[in-house]
Amino acid sequence: MKNETYTVKGNKTAADVIANNDQVIETGYTKEEAILVAVEVQKTGEFVAAWIEGEAGKPAPLAAATMISLEKHPKMEAAIARARSFRPRVTVISASARIYSVTGSKGDHYVVRVVVVGAKKLANCNCAAGQVGQLCYHVASAAQVNIMTQSMRRQRPAALPVLPARSADERAELVADIKATWSRRFPGESLADNLMARFRVNALSMLNVDFLRRVLAAIA
């Protein structure tokens, strides 16, 4: 039986993301090798996004017609409920370009891209449902993480004064509050991935009290 091979693709700019100008970077890898290549490509900074695609069931290019509205409506509520049931893992590929990787029910990975056009928030996903414009739980999951990620990006260091801890226990209280709030608002999503995207650290213990306050304010 022939082993499936994977291709690493990427977008160099945010404009390429919106225009679906996907570029083949490398091909012919196993899944594990392709993941490592995609990570290394991201580290170079040449591409704002990099992901992998398998030869079997390869997603078609995303077209403008497949953009999905993120407005609140019954279908969105149903998709959020499914996301809470499946608890997919959402990884921030590019916070600035609003690109996320979401695991599927069978362990595969799908790319969700969020686009803001004026007051409208739209998204697309390269899963089978997303390609025909249907709202999937991958989009619902990524949309929730996008809200938190963009809120954290808007928190400017100069906006708030750096204040000393109010008590010896404030750090522990902040960490506990952040974990509890995160679990409630973004069930199943990775706090570590989002911390890495915003602060370049993957643990709350690596942030000072002032930054912990900012994180809690962004997700509350």
C-alpha atoms as a PDB file:
ATOM      1  CA  MET A   1       0.000   0.000   0.000  1.00  0.00           C
ATOM      2  CA  LYS A   2       1.364   3.368  -1.022  1.00  0.00           C
ATOM      3  CA  ASN A   3       2.100   5.714   1.852  1.00  0.00           C
ATOM      4  CA  GLU A   4       0.476   9.123   1.601  1.00  0.00           C
ATOM      5  CA  THR A   5       2.868  12.000   1.029  1.00  0.00           C
ATOM      6  CA  TYR A   6       2.391  15.588   2.105  1.00  0.00           C
ATOM      7  CA  THR A   7       3.089  18.982   0.590  1.00  0.00           C
ATOM      8  CA  VAL A   8       4.091  22.101   2.521  1.00  0.00           C
ATOM      9  CA  LYS A   9       2.355  25.246   1.266  1.00  0.00           C
ATOM     10  CA  GLY A  10       2.498  28.841   2.403  1.00  0.00           C
ATOM     11  CA  ASN A  11       1.527  32.483   1.953  1.00  0.00           C
ATOM     12  CA  LYS A  12       4.208  35.166   1.956  1.00  0.00           C
ATOM     13  CA  THR A  13       1.954  38.113   2.800  1.00  0.00           C
ATOM     14  CA  ALA A  14      -1.452  38.836   4.300  1.00  0.00           C
ATOM     15  CA  ALA A  15      -2.558  39.903   0.796  1.00  0.00           C
ATOM     16  CA  ASP A  16      -1.658  36.426  -0.465  1.00  0.00           C
ATOM     17  CA  VAL A  17      -3.816  34.940   2.285  1.00  0.00           C
ATOM     18  CA  ILE A  18      -6.877  36.926   1.227  1.00  0.00           C
ATOM     19  CA  ALA A  19      -6.238  36.249  -2.499  1.00  0.00           C
ATOM     20  CA  ASN A  20      -5.620  32.522  -1.829  1.00  0.00           C
ATOM     21  CA  ASN A  21      -2.226  32.866  -3.502  1.00  0.00           C
ATOM     22  CA  ASP A  22      -0.890  29.612  -2.056  1.00  0.00           C
ATOM     23  CA  GLN A  23       2.687  28.666  -2.894  1.00  0.00           C
ATOM     24  CA  VAL A  24       4.104  25.128  -2.877  1.00  0.00           C
ATOM     25  CA  ILE A  25       7.248  25.182  -0.733  1.00  0.00           C
ATOM     26  CA  GLU A  26       8.229  21.510  -0.480  1.00  0.00           C
ATOM     27  CA  THR A  27       6.560  18.214  -1.360  1.00  0.00           C
ATOM     28  CA  GLY A  28       7.001  14.448  -1.017  1.00  0.00           C
ATOM     29  CA  TYR A  29       7.291  14.259   2.775  1.00  0.00           C
ATOM     30  CA  THR A  30       5.713  12.034   5.381  1.00  0.00           C
ATOM     31  CA  LYS A  31       3.235  13.806   7.653  1.00  0.00           C
ATOM     32  CA  GLU A  32       5.766  14.095  10.496  1.00  0.00           C
ATOM     33  CA  GLU A  33       8.462  15.458   8.162  1.00  0.00           C
ATOM     34  CA  ALA A  34       6.060  17.946   6.594  1.00  0.00           C
ATOM     35  CA  ILE A  35       5.027  19.301  10.002  1.00  0.00           C
ATOM     36  CA  LEU A  36       8.693  19.893  10.898  1.00  0.00           C
ATOM     37  CA  VAL A  37       9.326  21.630   7.559  1.00  0.00           C
ATOM     38  CA  ALA A  38       6.273  23.877   8.037  1.00  0.00           C
ATOM     39  CA  VAL A  39       7.494  24.874  11.503  1.00  0.00           C
ATOM     40  CA  GLU A  40      10.976  25.696  10.172  1.00  0.00           C
ATOM     41  CA  VAL A  41       9.466  27.737   7.323  1.00  0.00           C
ATOM     42  CA  GLN A  42       7.502  29.764   9.875  1.00  0.00           C
ATOM     43  CA  LYS A  43      10.680  30.450  11.822  1.00  0.00           C
ATOM     44  CA  THR A  44      12.402  32.022   8.804  1.00  0.00           C
ATOM     45  CA  GLY A  45       9.820  34.817   8.687  1.00  0.00           C
ATOM     46  CA  GLU A  46       9.637  34.619   4.880  1.00  0.00           C
ATOM     47  CA  PHE A  47       6.067  33.291   5.022  1.00  0.00           C
ATOM     48  CA  VAL A  48       3.253  34.620   7.235  1.00  0.00           C
ATOM     49  CA  ALA A  49       1.629  31.181   7.121  1.00  0.00           C
ATOM     50  CA  ALA A  50       2.687  27.634   6.345  1.00  0.00           C
ATOM     51  CA  TRP A  51       0.670  24.412   6.475  1.00  0.00           C
ATOM     52  CA  ILE A  52       0.596  20.873   5.118  1.00  0.00           C
ATOM     53  CA  GLU A  53      -1.735  19.120   2.680  1.00  0.00           C
ATOM     54  CA  GLY A  54      -1.972  15.410   1.896  1.00  0.00           C
ATOM     55  CA  GLU A  55      -2.224  13.964  -1.615  1.00  0.00           C
ATOM     56  CA  ALA A  56      -5.428  12.093  -0.730  1.00  0.00           C
ATOM     57  CA  GLY A  57      -8.464  14.327  -0.520  1.00  0.00           C
ATOM     58  CA  LYS A  58      -6.378  17.433  -1.122  1.00  0.00           C
ATOM     59  CA  PRO A  59      -8.490  20.540  -0.461  1.00  0.00           C
ATOM     60  CA  ALA A  60      -9.369  22.712  -3.439  1.00  0.00           C
ATOM     61  CA  PRO A  61      -8.188  26.363  -3.445  1.00  0.00           C
ATOM     62  CA  LEU A  62     -10.426  28.558  -1.328  1.00  0.00           C
ATOM     63  CA  ALA A  63     -12.530  30.917  -3.388  1.00  0.00           C
ATOM     64  CA  ALA A  64     -14.220  34.164  -2.404  1.00  0.00           C
ATOM     65  CA  ALA A  65     -17.599  32.419  -2.646  1.00  0.00           C
ATOM     66  CA  THR A  66     -16.691  30.180   0.280  1.00  0.00           C
ATOM     67  CA  MET A  67     -16.387  33.032   2.769  1.00  0.00           C
ATOM     68  CA  ILE A  68     -18.566  32.398   5.830  1.00  0.00           C
ATOM     69  CA  SER A  69     -20.146  35.105   7.973  1.00  0.00           C
ATOM     70  CA  LEU A  70     -19.216  35.050  11.658  1.00  0.00           C
ATOM     71  CA  GLU A  71     -22.336  36.888  12.792  1.00  0.00           C
ATOM     72  CA  LYS A  72     -24.333  35.352  15.625  1.00  0.00           C
ATOM     73  CA  HIS A  73     -27.136  33.143  14.335  1.00  0.00           C
ATOM     74  CA  PRO A  74     -28.507  29.652  15.079  1.00  0.00           C
ATOM     75  CA  LYS A  75     -26.006  27.926  12.765  1.00  0.00           C
ATOM     76  CA  MET A  76     -23.121  29.604  14.569  1.00  0.00           C
ATOM     77  CA  GLU A  77     -24.504  28.544  17.948  1.00  0.00           C
ATOM     78  CA  ALA A  78     -24.792  24.960  16.649  1.00  0.00           C
ATOM     79  CA  ALA A  79     -21.207  25.065  15.355  1.00  0.00           C
ATOM     80  CA  ILE A  80     -19.964  26.360  18.720  1.00  0.00           C
ATOM     81  CA  ALA A  81     -21.810  23.527  20.454  1.00  0.00           C
ATOM     82  CA  ARG A  82     -20.131  21.003  18.136  1.00  0.00           C
ATOM     83  CA  ALA A  83     -16.752  22.579  18.829  1.00  0.00           C
ATOM     84  CA  ARG A  84     -17.307  22.189  22.561  1.00  0.00           C
ATOM     85  CA  SER A  85     -18.261  18.567  21.990  1.00  0.00           C
ATOM     86  CA  PHE A  86     -15.265  17.670  19.791  1.00  0.00           C
ATOM     87  CA  ARG A  87     -12.831  19.969  21.654  1.00  0.00           C
ATOM     88  CA  PRO A  88     -10.474  20.471  18.660  1.00  0.00           C
ATOM     89  CA  ARG A  89      -7.012  21.883  19.169  1.00  0.00           C
ATOM     90  CA  VAL A  90      -6.533  25.341  17.663  1.00  0.00           C
ATOM     91  CA  THR A  91      -3.012  26.510  16.842  1.00  0.00           C
ATOM     92  CA  VAL A  92      -2.183  30.098  15.919  1.00  0.00           C
ATOM     93  CA  ILE A  93      -0.289  29.979  12.630  1.00  0.00           C
ATOM     94  CA  SER A  94      -0.191  33.756  12.143  1.00  0.00           C
ATOM     95  CA  ALA A  95      -1.874  36.139  14.594  1.00  0.00           C
ATOM     96  CA  SER A  96      -1.378  39.167  12.333  1.00  0.00           C
ATOM     97  CA  ALA A  97      -2.842  37.398   9.278  1.00  0.00           C
ATOM     98  CA  ARG A  98      -5.551  35.696  11.409  1.00  0.00           C
ATOM     99  CA  ILE A  99      -4.681  32.178  10.252  1.00  0.00           C
ATOM    100  CA  TYR A 100      -5.320  29.152  12.478  1.00  0.00           C
ATOM    101  CA  SER A 101      -4.859  25.393  12.268  1.00  0.00           C
ATOM    102  CA  VAL A 102      -7.716  23.335  13.709  1.00  0.00           C
ATOM    103  CA  THR A 103      -7.712  19.584  14.264  1.00  0.00           C
ATOM    104  CA  GLY A 104     -10.505  17.527  12.733  1.00  0.00           C
ATOM    105  CA  SER A 105     -12.435  14.657  14.264  1.00  0.00           C
ATOM    106  CA  LYS A 106      -9.994  12.133  12.751  1.00  0.00           C
ATOM    107  CA  GLY A 107      -6.842  13.950  13.795  1.00  0.00           C
ATOM    108  CA  ASP A 108      -6.299  15.770  10.511  1.00  0.00           C
ATOM    109  CA  HIS A 109      -5.614  19.498  10.314  1.00  0.00           C
ATOM    110  CA  TYR A 110      -7.585  22.255   8.596  1.00  0.00           C
ATOM    111  CA  VAL A 111      -6.617  25.859   7.936  1.00  0.00           C
ATOM    112  CA  VAL A 112      -9.086  28.578   8.933  1.00  0.00           C
ATOM    113  CA  ARG A 113      -8.554  32.157   7.820  1.00  0.00           C
ATOM    114  CA  VAL A 114     -10.445  35.053   9.371  1.00  0.00           C
ATOM    115  CA  VAL A 115     -10.866  38.227   7.317  1.00  0.00           C
ATOM    116  CA  VAL A 116     -12.253  41.553   8.520  1.00  0.00           C
ATOM    117  CA  VAL A 117     -13.923  43.682   5.831  1.00  0.00           C
ATOM    118  CA  GLY A 118     -15.200  46.912   7.348  1.00  0.00           C
ATOM    119  CA  ALA A 119     -17.553  45.903  10.154  1.00  0.00           C
ATOM    120  CA  LYS A 120     -17.974  42.374   8.809  1.00  0.00           C
ATOM    121  CA  LYS A 121     -16.017  39.368  10.040  1.00  0.00           C
ATOM    122  CA  LEU A 122     -15.696  36.508   7.575  1.00  0.00           C
ATOM    123  CA  ALA A 123     -13.819  33.215   7.551  1.00  0.00           C
ATOM    124  CA  ASN A 124     -13.084  30.262   5.338  1.00  0.00           C
ATOM    125  CA  CYS A 125     -11.919  26.727   6.005  1.00  0.00           C
ATOM    126  CA  ASN A 126     -10.392  24.150   3.684  1.00  0.00           C
ATOM    127  CA  CYS A 127     -12.473  21.276   5.059  1.00  0.00           C
ATOM    128  CA  ALA A 128     -15.143  19.727   2.805  1.00  0.00           C
ATOM    129  CA  ALA A 129     -17.963  21.733   4.405  1.00  0.00           C
ATOM    130  CA  GLY A 130     -16.018  24.976   4.364  1.00  0.00           C
ATOM    131  CA  GLN A 131     -15.218  24.659   0.661  1.00  0.00           C
ATOM    132  CA  VAL A 132     -18.931  24.880  -0.155  1.00  0.00           C
ATOM    133  CA  GLY A 133     -19.565  27.747   2.262  1.00  0.00           C
ATOM    134  CA  GLN A 134     -21.029  25.739   5.135  1.00  0.00           C
ATOM    135  CA  LEU A 135     -20.307  26.818   8.692  1.00  0.00           C
ATOM    136  CA  CYS A 136     -18.141  24.149  10.344  1.00  0.00           C
ATOM    137  CA  TYR A 137     -16.959  23.718  13.914  1.00  0.00           C
ATOM    138  CA  HIS A 138     -13.387  24.397  12.743  1.00  0.00           C
ATOM    139  CA  VAL A 139     -14.438  27.958  11.878  1.00  0.00           C
ATOM    140  CA  ALA A 140     -16.368  28.322  15.139  1.00  0.00           C
ATOM    141  CA  SER A 141     -13.332  27.163  17.146  1.00  0.00           C
ATOM    142  CA  ALA A 142     -10.891  29.407  15.307  1.00  0.00           C
ATOM    143  CA  ALA A 143     -13.247  32.388  15.576  1.00  0.00           C
ATOM    144  CA  GLN A 144     -13.291  32.114  19.371  1.00  0.00           C
ATOM    145  CA  VAL A 145      -9.498  31.932  19.553  1.00  0.00           C
ATOM    146  CA  ASN A 146      -9.229  34.821  17.087  1.00  0.00           C
ATOM    147  CA  ILE A 147     -11.290  37.062  19.391  1.00  0.00           C
ATOM    148  CA  MET A 148      -8.936  36.402  22.273  1.00  0.00           C
ATOM    149  CA  THR A 149      -5.776  36.626  20.135  1.00  0.00           C
ATOM    150  CA  GLN A 150      -6.694  39.953  18.561  1.00  0.00           C
ATOM    151  CA  SER A 151      -7.745  41.353  21.955  1.00  0.00           C
ATOM    152  CA  MET A 152      -4.335  40.470  23.333  1.00  0.00           C
ATOM    153  CA  ARG A 153      -2.594  42.022  20.313  1.00  0.00           C
ATOM    154  CA  ARG A 154      -4.463  45.296  20.897  1.00  0.00           C
ATOM    155  CA  GLN A 155      -3.197  45.522  24.465  1.00  0.00           C
ATOM    156  CA  ARG A 156      -0.350  48.018  24.177  1.00  0.00           C
ATOM    157  CA  PRO A 157       2.372  47.965  26.856  1.00  0.00           C
ATOM    158  CA  ALA A 158       2.158  51.756  27.291  1.00  0.00           C
ATOM    159  CA  ALA A 159      -1.588  51.744  27.840  1.00  0.00           C
ATOM    160  CA  LEU A 160      -1.369  50.755  31.488  1.00  0.00           C
ATOM    161  CA  PRO A 161       1.174  51.717  34.161  1.00  0.00           C
ATOM    162  CA  VAL A 162       3.364  48.998  35.568  1.00  0.00           C
ATOM    163  CA  LEU A 163       2.153  48.616  39.126  1.00  0.00           C
ATOM    164  CA  PRO A 164       3.602  46.493  41.924  1.00  0.00           C
ATOM    165  CA  ALA A 165       1.692  43.430  43.069  1.00  0.00           C
ATOM    166  CA  ARG A 166      -1.122  44.327  45.456  1.00  0.00           C
ATOM    167  CA  SER A 167      -0.256  41.371  47.636  1.00  0.00           C
ATOM    168  CA  ALA A 168       2.131  38.459  47.815  1.00  0.00           C
ATOM    169  CA  ASP A 169      -0.649  36.204  46.567  1.00  0.00           C
ATOM    170  CA  GLU A 170      -1.717  38.360  43.595  1.00  0.00           C
ATOM    171  CA  ARG A 171       0.391  36.429  41.054  1.00  0.00           C
ATOM    172  CA  ALA A 172      -1.124  33.111  42.105  1.00  0.00           C
ATOM    173  CA  GLU A 173      -4.612  34.624  42.081  1.00  0.00           C
ATOM    174  CA  LEU A 174      -4.111  36.083  38.597  1.00  0.00           C
ATOM    175  CA  VAL A 175      -2.825  32.791  37.207  1.00  0.00           C
ATOM    176  CA  ALA A 176      -5.779  30.925  38.702  1.00  0.00           C
ATOM    177  CA  ASP A 177      -8.250  33.523  37.377  1.00  0.00           C
ATOM    178  CA  ILE A 178      -6.746  33.418  33.873  1.00  0.00           C
ATOM    179  CA  LYS A 179      -6.871  29.623  33.719  1.00  0.00           C
ATOM    180  CA  ALA A 180     -10.455  29.535  34.979  1.00  0.00           C
ATOM    181  CA  THR A 181     -11.596  32.298  32.594  1.00  0.00           C
ATOM    182  CA  TRP A 182      -9.813  30.721  29.647  1.00  0.00           C
ATOM    183  CA  SER A 183     -11.341  27.290  30.299  1.00  0.00           C
ATOM    184  CA  ARG A 184     -14.793  28.849  30.531  1.00  0.00           C
ATOM    185  CA  ARG A 185     -14.559  31.087  27.463  1.00  0.00           C
ATOM    186  CA  PHE A 186     -12.387  28.933  25.195  1.00  0.00           C
ATOM    187  CA  PRO A 187     -12.928  25.291  26.163  1.00  0.00           C
ATOM    188  CA  GLY A 188     -10.526  22.922  24.446  1.00  0.00           C
ATOM    189  CA  GLU A 189      -8.290  25.696  23.080  1.00  0.00           C
ATOM    190  CA  SER A 190      -4.600  25.969  23.865  1.00  0.00           C
ATOM    191  CA  LEU A 191      -3.704  28.831  26.185  1.00  0.00           C
ATOM    192  CA  ALA A 192      -0.004  28.056  25.664  1.00  0.00           C
ATOM    193  CA  ASP A 193      -0.252  28.540  21.873  1.00  0.00           C
ATOM    194  CA  ASN A 194      -1.946  31.907  22.296  1.00  0.00           C
ATOM    195  CA  LEU A 195       0.590  33.086  24.858  1.00  0.00           C
ATOM    196  CA  MET A 196       3.346  32.141  22.421  1.00  0.00           C
ATOM    197  CA  ALA A 197       1.680  34.087  19.592  1.00  0.00           C
ATOM    198  CA  ARG A 198       1.383  37.261  21.685  1.00  0.00           C
ATOM    199  CA  PHE A 199       4.184  37.186  24.257  1.00  0.00           C
ATOM    200  CA  ARG A 200       6.643  34.590  22.874  1.00  0.00           C
ATOM    201  CA  VAL A 201       6.289  32.507  26.020  1.00  0.00           C
ATOM    202  CA  ASN A 202       4.142  29.428  26.536  1.00  0.00           C
ATOM    203  CA  ALA A 203       3.508  29.532  30.279  1.00  0.00           C
ATOM    204  CA  LEU A 204       1.863  32.075  32.584  1.00  0.00           C
ATOM    205  CA  SER A 205       4.696  31.600  35.065  1.00  0.00           C
ATOM    206  CA  MET A 206       7.011  33.367  32.597  1.00  0.00           C
ATOM    207  CA  LEU A 207       4.981  36.624  32.650  1.00  0.00           C
ATOM    208  CA  ASN A 208       5.259  39.342  35.283  1.00  0.00           C
ATOM    209  CA  VAL A 209       2.248  40.547  37.282  1.00  0.00           C
ATOM    210  CA  ASP A 210       1.595  43.491  34.957  1.00  0.00           C
ATOM    211  CA  PHE A 211       1.334  41.247  31.890  1.00  0.00           C
ATOM    212  CA  LEU A 212      -0.818  38.777  33.793  1.00  0.00           C
ATOM    213  CA  ARG A 213      -3.242  41.623  34.480  1.00  0.00           C
ATOM    214  CA  ARG A 214      -3.298  42.444  30.752  1.00  0.00           C
ATOM    215  CA  VAL A 215      -4.021  38.854  29.800  1.00  0.00           C
ATOM    216  CA  LEU A 216      -6.899  38.651  32.259  1.00  0.00           C
ATOM    217  CA  ALA A 217      -8.322  41.981  31.027  1.00  0.00           C
ATOM    218  CA  ALA A 218      -8.138  40.763  27.399  1.00  0.00           C
ATOM    219  CA  ILE A 219     -10.073  37.542  27.978  1.00  0.00           C
ATOM    220  CA  ALA A 220     -12.509  38.629  30.699  1.00  0.00           C
END
